[in-house]
Amino acid sequence: MPLTFCPHCSNALTVSRAEPSTTYPMGVNRFQCRTCPYQFVIDRLYVEEKVLKQKEVEVVFNDEEMFKNADKLPVQCPSDTCNGEYAYFYQLQIRSADEPMTTFLRCTTCAKTWRD
């Protein structure tokens, strides 16, 4: 955007809607200074398109060998087709520090992963 500060008083301009008219029944957008009467009508569309790249997800436990020495606890697998009674678990801090850690469980029988 080429115009973001008032040329008279150097304050930041805000976007506001002008009064409705016969040409623009909904009103037209404008830059407006909050301290002085300066106004600048926005006569064209300002659009910026930015493509964000996906964050790469790193798998914590990705191999059966990594689970060989992992702790397990007795818990029923939530899968309807599995009757597993034990699951490996690990904990990650995925939220802020004042929140408790999230426990992830992985069935020893069917390898289904869920969080507790």
N, C-alpha and C. Protein backbone atom coordinates (compact mmCIF):
# COMPACT_ATOMS: atom_id res chain seq x y z
N MET A 1 0.84 -1.16 0.00
CA MET A 1 0.00 0.00 0.00
C MET A 1 0.89 1.23 0.00
N PRO A 2 0.67 2.12 -0.91
CA PRO A 2 1.55 3.26 -1.01
C PRO A 2 1.29 4.32 0.04
N LEU A 3 0.10 4.41 0.57
CA LEU A 3 -0.25 5.52 1.45
C LEU A 3 -0.74 4.95 2.78
N THR A 4 0.09 5.01 3.82
CA THR A 4 -0.33 4.51 5.12
C THR A 4 -0.19 5.55 6.22
N PHE A 5 0.43 6.70 5.90
CA PHE A 5 0.59 7.76 6.90
C PHE A 5 0.03 9.07 6.34
N CYS A 6 -0.52 9.87 7.20
CA CYS A 6 -1.11 11.14 6.82
C CYS A 6 -0.01 12.10 6.35
N PRO A 7 -0.17 12.75 5.17
CA PRO A 7 0.87 13.66 4.71
C PRO A 7 0.89 14.99 5.49
N HIS A 8 -0.15 15.27 6.28
CA HIS A 8 -0.21 16.51 7.03
C HIS A 8 0.35 16.38 8.45
N CYS A 9 -0.10 15.34 9.16
CA CYS A 9 0.30 15.22 10.57
C CYS A 9 1.12 13.96 10.86
N SER A 10 1.39 13.13 9.86
CA SER A 10 2.24 11.93 9.95
C SER A 10 1.69 10.85 10.88
N ASN A 11 0.41 10.86 11.18
CA ASN A 11 -0.19 9.78 11.95
C ASN A 11 -0.60 8.65 11.02
N ALA A 12 -0.75 7.45 11.57
CA ALA A 12 -1.15 6.31 10.77
C ALA A 12 -2.60 6.47 10.29
N LEU A 13 -2.84 6.12 9.04
CA LEU A 13 -4.19 6.20 8.49
C LEU A 13 -4.92 4.90 8.76
N THR A 14 -6.23 5.00 8.98
CA THR A 14 -7.06 3.82 9.18
C THR A 14 -8.00 3.68 7.98
N VAL A 15 -8.47 2.49 7.75
CA VAL A 15 -9.43 2.24 6.66
C VAL A 15 -10.83 2.41 7.22
N SER A 16 -11.63 3.21 6.55
CA SER A 16 -13.02 3.42 6.96
C SER A 16 -13.89 3.45 5.71
N ARG A 17 -15.20 3.44 5.93
CA ARG A 17 -16.14 3.46 4.82
C ARG A 17 -16.77 4.83 4.72
N ALA A 18 -16.80 5.39 3.51
CA ALA A 18 -17.39 6.71 3.29
C ALA A 18 -18.90 6.60 3.32
N GLU A 19 -19.54 7.73 3.38
CA GLU A 19 -21.00 7.78 3.39
C GLU A 19 -21.55 7.24 2.07
N PRO A 20 -22.71 6.56 2.10
CA PRO A 20 -23.30 6.07 0.85
C PRO A 20 -23.69 7.21 -0.08
N SER A 21 -23.54 6.95 -1.36
CA SER A 21 -23.94 7.94 -2.36
C SER A 21 -24.74 7.23 -3.44
N THR A 22 -25.20 7.98 -4.45
CA THR A 22 -25.96 7.35 -5.53
C THR A 22 -25.05 6.47 -6.39
N THR A 23 -23.78 6.85 -6.53
CA THR A 23 -22.83 6.05 -7.31
C THR A 23 -22.42 4.80 -6.53
N TYR A 24 -22.17 4.96 -5.23
CA TYR A 24 -21.77 3.83 -4.36
C TYR A 24 -22.79 3.70 -3.22
N PRO A 25 -23.82 2.89 -3.40
CA PRO A 25 -24.86 2.78 -2.36
C PRO A 25 -24.35 2.17 -1.05
N MET A 26 -23.29 1.37 -1.11
CA MET A 26 -22.72 0.79 0.11
C MET A 26 -21.63 1.68 0.68
N GLY A 27 -21.27 2.75 -0.01
CA GLY A 27 -20.15 3.58 0.40
C GLY A 27 -18.87 3.04 -0.23
N VAL A 28 -17.82 3.81 -0.15
CA VAL A 28 -16.54 3.40 -0.72
C VAL A 28 -15.50 3.41 0.40
N ASN A 29 -14.53 2.51 0.33
CA ASN A 29 -13.48 2.47 1.34
C ASN A 29 -12.52 3.65 1.16
N ARG A 30 -11.95 4.07 2.26
CA ARG A 30 -11.03 5.20 2.21
C ARG A 30 -10.02 5.09 3.34
N PHE A 31 -8.88 5.75 3.15
CA PHE A 31 -7.94 5.95 4.24
C PHE A 31 -8.34 7.23 4.93
N GLN A 32 -8.36 7.22 6.25
CA GLN A 32 -8.81 8.38 7.00
C GLN A 32 -7.86 8.61 8.18
N CYS A 33 -7.49 9.87 8.38
CA CYS A 33 -6.66 10.25 9.53
C CYS A 33 -7.58 10.47 10.72
N ARG A 34 -7.16 10.01 11.89
CA ARG A 34 -7.98 10.16 13.08
C ARG A 34 -7.81 11.51 13.77
N THR A 35 -6.74 12.23 13.43
CA THR A 35 -6.50 13.50 14.12
C THR A 35 -6.82 14.72 13.28
N CYS A 36 -6.71 14.60 11.97
CA CYS A 36 -7.03 15.75 11.11
C CYS A 36 -8.08 15.31 10.09
N PRO A 37 -8.66 16.21 9.32
CA PRO A 37 -9.75 15.84 8.40
C PRO A 37 -9.28 15.19 7.09
N TYR A 38 -8.04 14.74 6.99
CA TYR A 38 -7.53 14.17 5.74
C TYR A 38 -8.22 12.84 5.43
N GLN A 39 -8.62 12.66 4.15
CA GLN A 39 -9.22 11.42 3.65
C GLN A 39 -8.67 11.14 2.26
N PHE A 40 -8.45 9.86 1.96
CA PHE A 40 -7.99 9.45 0.64
C PHE A 40 -8.83 8.26 0.21
N VAL A 41 -9.62 8.42 -0.87
CA VAL A 41 -10.51 7.37 -1.35
C VAL A 41 -9.68 6.28 -2.02
N ILE A 42 -9.96 5.03 -1.65
CA ILE A 42 -9.29 3.88 -2.25
C ILE A 42 -10.05 3.52 -3.52
N ASP A 43 -9.44 3.77 -4.66
CA ASP A 43 -10.13 3.58 -5.93
C ASP A 43 -9.74 2.29 -6.64
N ARG A 44 -8.88 1.50 -6.06
CA ARG A 44 -8.53 0.22 -6.68
C ARG A 44 -8.41 -0.84 -5.61
N LEU A 45 -8.37 -2.08 -6.04
CA LEU A 45 -8.35 -3.22 -5.14
C LEU A 45 -6.92 -3.54 -4.74
N TYR A 46 -6.67 -3.62 -3.45
CA TYR A 46 -5.36 -4.00 -2.94
C TYR A 46 -5.43 -5.44 -2.45
N VAL A 47 -4.75 -6.33 -3.14
CA VAL A 47 -4.75 -7.74 -2.76
C VAL A 47 -3.32 -8.25 -2.83
N GLU A 48 -2.93 -8.97 -1.81
CA GLU A 48 -1.62 -9.60 -1.80
C GLU A 48 -1.82 -11.08 -1.53
N GLU A 49 -1.39 -11.91 -2.46
CA GLU A 49 -1.54 -13.35 -2.31
C GLU A 49 -0.18 -13.93 -1.96
N LYS A 50 -0.17 -14.68 -0.90
CA LYS A 50 1.08 -15.28 -0.46
C LYS A 50 0.84 -16.76 -0.21
N VAL A 51 1.63 -17.60 -0.83
CA VAL A 51 1.50 -19.03 -0.66
C VAL A 51 2.39 -19.44 0.51
N LEU A 52 1.79 -20.05 1.51
CA LEU A 52 2.53 -20.50 2.68
C LEU A 52 2.93 -21.96 2.50
N LYS A 53 4.17 -22.26 2.83
CA LYS A 53 4.60 -23.66 2.69
C LYS A 53 4.24 -24.41 3.96
N GLN A 54 3.95 -25.67 3.78
CA GLN A 54 3.55 -26.52 4.89
C GLN A 54 4.73 -26.79 5.81
N LYS A 55 4.45 -26.82 7.08
CA LYS A 55 5.48 -27.14 8.05
C LYS A 55 5.75 -28.64 7.98
N GLU A 56 7.02 -28.99 7.97
CA GLU A 56 7.37 -30.41 7.92
C GLU A 56 7.16 -31.03 9.29
N VAL A 57 6.45 -32.14 9.30
CA VAL A 57 6.15 -32.82 10.55
C VAL A 57 7.18 -33.92 10.76
N GLU A 58 7.77 -33.90 11.93
CA GLU A 58 8.78 -34.90 12.24
C GLU A 58 8.14 -35.98 13.10
N VAL A 59 8.26 -37.21 12.68
CA VAL A 59 7.68 -38.33 13.41
C VAL A 59 8.60 -38.68 14.57
N VAL A 60 8.04 -38.73 15.77
CA VAL A 60 8.86 -39.00 16.94
C VAL A 60 9.23 -40.47 17.02
N PHE A 61 8.24 -41.34 16.95
CA PHE A 61 8.47 -42.78 16.93
C PHE A 61 8.05 -43.30 15.57
N ASN A 62 8.97 -43.64 14.72
CA ASN A 62 8.61 -44.06 13.36
C ASN A 62 9.05 -45.48 13.05
N ASP A 63 9.66 -46.14 13.97
CA ASP A 63 10.21 -47.45 13.67
C ASP A 63 9.89 -48.39 14.82
N GLU A 64 9.63 -49.65 14.51
CA GLU A 64 9.32 -50.62 15.56
C GLU A 64 10.50 -50.80 16.51
N GLU A 65 11.71 -50.62 16.01
CA GLU A 65 12.89 -50.79 16.85
C GLU A 65 12.95 -49.70 17.93
N MET A 66 12.40 -48.53 17.64
CA MET A 66 12.39 -47.46 18.63
C MET A 66 11.46 -47.80 19.79
N PHE A 67 10.43 -48.58 19.54
CA PHE A 67 9.48 -48.94 20.57
C PHE A 67 9.93 -50.14 21.39
N LYS A 68 11.03 -50.77 20.99
CA LYS A 68 11.46 -51.99 21.66
C LYS A 68 11.73 -51.75 23.15
N ASN A 69 12.33 -50.62 23.50
CA ASN A 69 12.64 -50.33 24.89
C ASN A 69 11.72 -49.27 25.49
N ALA A 70 10.65 -48.93 24.81
CA ALA A 70 9.73 -47.91 25.30
C ALA A 70 8.86 -48.46 26.42
N ASP A 71 8.38 -47.56 27.27
CA ASP A 71 7.49 -47.96 28.35
C ASP A 71 6.12 -48.29 27.78
N LYS A 72 5.44 -49.25 28.41
CA LYS A 72 4.07 -49.56 28.00
C LYS A 72 3.20 -49.68 29.23
N LEU A 73 1.91 -49.48 29.02
CA LEU A 73 0.98 -49.55 30.13
C LEU A 73 -0.26 -50.30 29.70
N PRO A 74 -0.98 -50.88 30.66
CA PRO A 74 -2.20 -51.62 30.30
C PRO A 74 -3.35 -50.65 30.00
N VAL A 75 -3.81 -50.67 28.76
CA VAL A 75 -4.92 -49.83 28.34
C VAL A 75 -5.61 -50.52 27.17
N GLN A 76 -6.91 -50.36 27.05
CA GLN A 76 -7.68 -50.98 25.96
C GLN A 76 -7.53 -50.16 24.69
N CYS A 77 -7.25 -50.81 23.58
CA CYS A 77 -7.13 -50.12 22.29
C CYS A 77 -8.50 -49.61 21.85
N PRO A 78 -8.59 -48.36 21.35
CA PRO A 78 -9.90 -47.82 20.94
C PRO A 78 -10.41 -48.37 19.61
N SER A 79 -9.60 -49.11 18.89
CA SER A 79 -10.03 -49.67 17.61
C SER A 79 -11.05 -50.78 17.84
N ASP A 80 -12.08 -50.81 16.99
CA ASP A 80 -13.14 -51.81 17.15
C ASP A 80 -12.67 -53.21 16.78
N THR A 81 -11.70 -53.30 15.89
CA THR A 81 -11.25 -54.61 15.41
C THR A 81 -10.09 -55.18 16.21
N CYS A 82 -9.54 -54.41 17.13
CA CYS A 82 -8.36 -54.84 17.88
C CYS A 82 -8.73 -55.10 19.33
N ASN A 83 -8.14 -56.13 19.90
CA ASN A 83 -8.34 -56.44 21.30
C ASN A 83 -7.06 -56.24 22.10
N GLY A 84 -6.24 -55.29 21.66
CA GLY A 84 -4.97 -55.05 22.33
C GLY A 84 -5.17 -54.53 23.74
N GLU A 85 -4.36 -55.03 24.66
CA GLU A 85 -4.49 -54.64 26.06
C GLU A 85 -3.34 -53.78 26.55
N TYR A 86 -2.30 -53.60 25.74
CA TYR A 86 -1.15 -52.79 26.14
C TYR A 86 -0.86 -51.76 25.05
N ALA A 87 -0.27 -50.65 25.47
CA ALA A 87 0.09 -49.60 24.52
C ALA A 87 1.39 -48.94 24.97
N TYR A 88 2.24 -48.61 23.99
CA TYR A 88 3.42 -47.80 24.27
C TYR A 88 2.94 -46.36 24.45
N PHE A 89 3.67 -45.58 25.21
CA PHE A 89 3.27 -44.19 25.37
C PHE A 89 4.49 -43.28 25.36
N TYR A 90 4.24 -42.04 24.94
CA TYR A 90 5.23 -40.98 25.03
C TYR A 90 4.49 -39.68 25.24
N GLN A 91 5.17 -38.71 25.82
CA GLN A 91 4.55 -37.43 26.12
C GLN A 91 5.28 -36.30 25.41
N LEU A 92 4.49 -35.35 24.90
CA LEU A 92 5.04 -34.18 24.23
C LEU A 92 4.39 -32.93 24.78
N GLN A 93 5.17 -31.86 24.84
CA GLN A 93 4.63 -30.57 25.24
C GLN A 93 4.22 -29.84 23.97
N ILE A 94 2.94 -29.94 23.57
CA ILE A 94 2.49 -29.34 22.31
C ILE A 94 1.76 -28.02 22.52
N ARG A 95 1.44 -27.69 23.77
CA ARG A 95 0.81 -26.41 24.06
C ARG A 95 1.74 -25.59 24.93
N SER A 96 1.24 -24.53 25.53
CA SER A 96 2.09 -23.65 26.32
C SER A 96 2.59 -24.36 27.58
N ALA A 97 3.58 -23.77 28.20
CA ALA A 97 4.25 -24.41 29.33
C ALA A 97 3.35 -24.57 30.55
N ASP A 98 2.32 -23.74 30.69
CA ASP A 98 1.45 -23.87 31.85
C ASP A 98 0.37 -24.93 31.66
N GLU A 99 0.29 -25.53 30.50
CA GLU A 99 -0.64 -26.62 30.23
C GLU A 99 0.07 -27.96 30.46
N PRO A 100 -0.67 -29.01 30.82
CA PRO A 100 0.00 -30.31 31.01
C PRO A 100 0.46 -30.91 29.68
N MET A 101 1.40 -31.84 29.78
CA MET A 101 1.90 -32.51 28.58
C MET A 101 0.82 -33.41 28.00
N THR A 102 0.87 -33.61 26.68
CA THR A 102 -0.08 -34.48 26.00
C THR A 102 0.52 -35.87 25.89
N THR A 103 -0.23 -36.88 26.27
CA THR A 103 0.22 -38.26 26.23
C THR A 103 -0.28 -38.91 24.95
N PHE A 104 0.63 -39.48 24.18
CA PHE A 104 0.30 -40.22 22.97
C PHE A 104 0.47 -41.70 23.26
N LEU A 105 -0.50 -42.50 22.82
CA LEU A 105 -0.47 -43.94 23.04
C LEU A 105 -0.45 -44.65 21.70
N ARG A 106 0.25 -45.79 21.65
CA ARG A 106 0.30 -46.60 20.42
C ARG A 106 0.10 -48.05 20.81
N CYS A 107 -0.90 -48.67 20.23
CA CYS A 107 -1.25 -50.05 20.54
C CYS A 107 -0.10 -50.99 20.17
N THR A 108 0.17 -51.95 21.04
CA THR A 108 1.25 -52.92 20.76
C THR A 108 0.82 -53.96 19.75
N THR A 109 -0.50 -54.13 19.56
CA THR A 109 -0.99 -55.14 18.64
C THR A 109 -1.20 -54.61 17.23
N CYS A 110 -1.97 -53.51 17.09
CA CYS A 110 -2.33 -53.02 15.75
C CYS A 110 -1.60 -51.75 15.35
N ALA A 111 -0.80 -51.16 16.24
CA ALA A 111 -0.01 -49.95 15.99
C ALA A 111 -0.88 -48.71 15.75
N LYS A 112 -2.11 -48.71 16.23
CA LYS A 112 -2.96 -47.51 16.16
C LYS A 112 -2.47 -46.50 17.19
N THR A 113 -2.36 -45.23 16.77
CA THR A 113 -1.89 -44.17 17.66
C THR A 113 -3.05 -43.25 18.00
N TRP A 114 -3.17 -42.89 19.28
CA TRP A 114 -4.18 -41.94 19.73
C TRP A 114 -3.62 -41.14 20.90
N ARG A 115 -4.31 -40.06 21.24
CA ARG A 115 -3.86 -39.25 22.37
C ARG A 115 -4.83 -39.36 23.52
N ASP A 116 -4.26 -39.20 24.67
CA ASP A 116 -5.06 -39.33 25.88
C ASP A 116 -5.22 -38.00 26.54
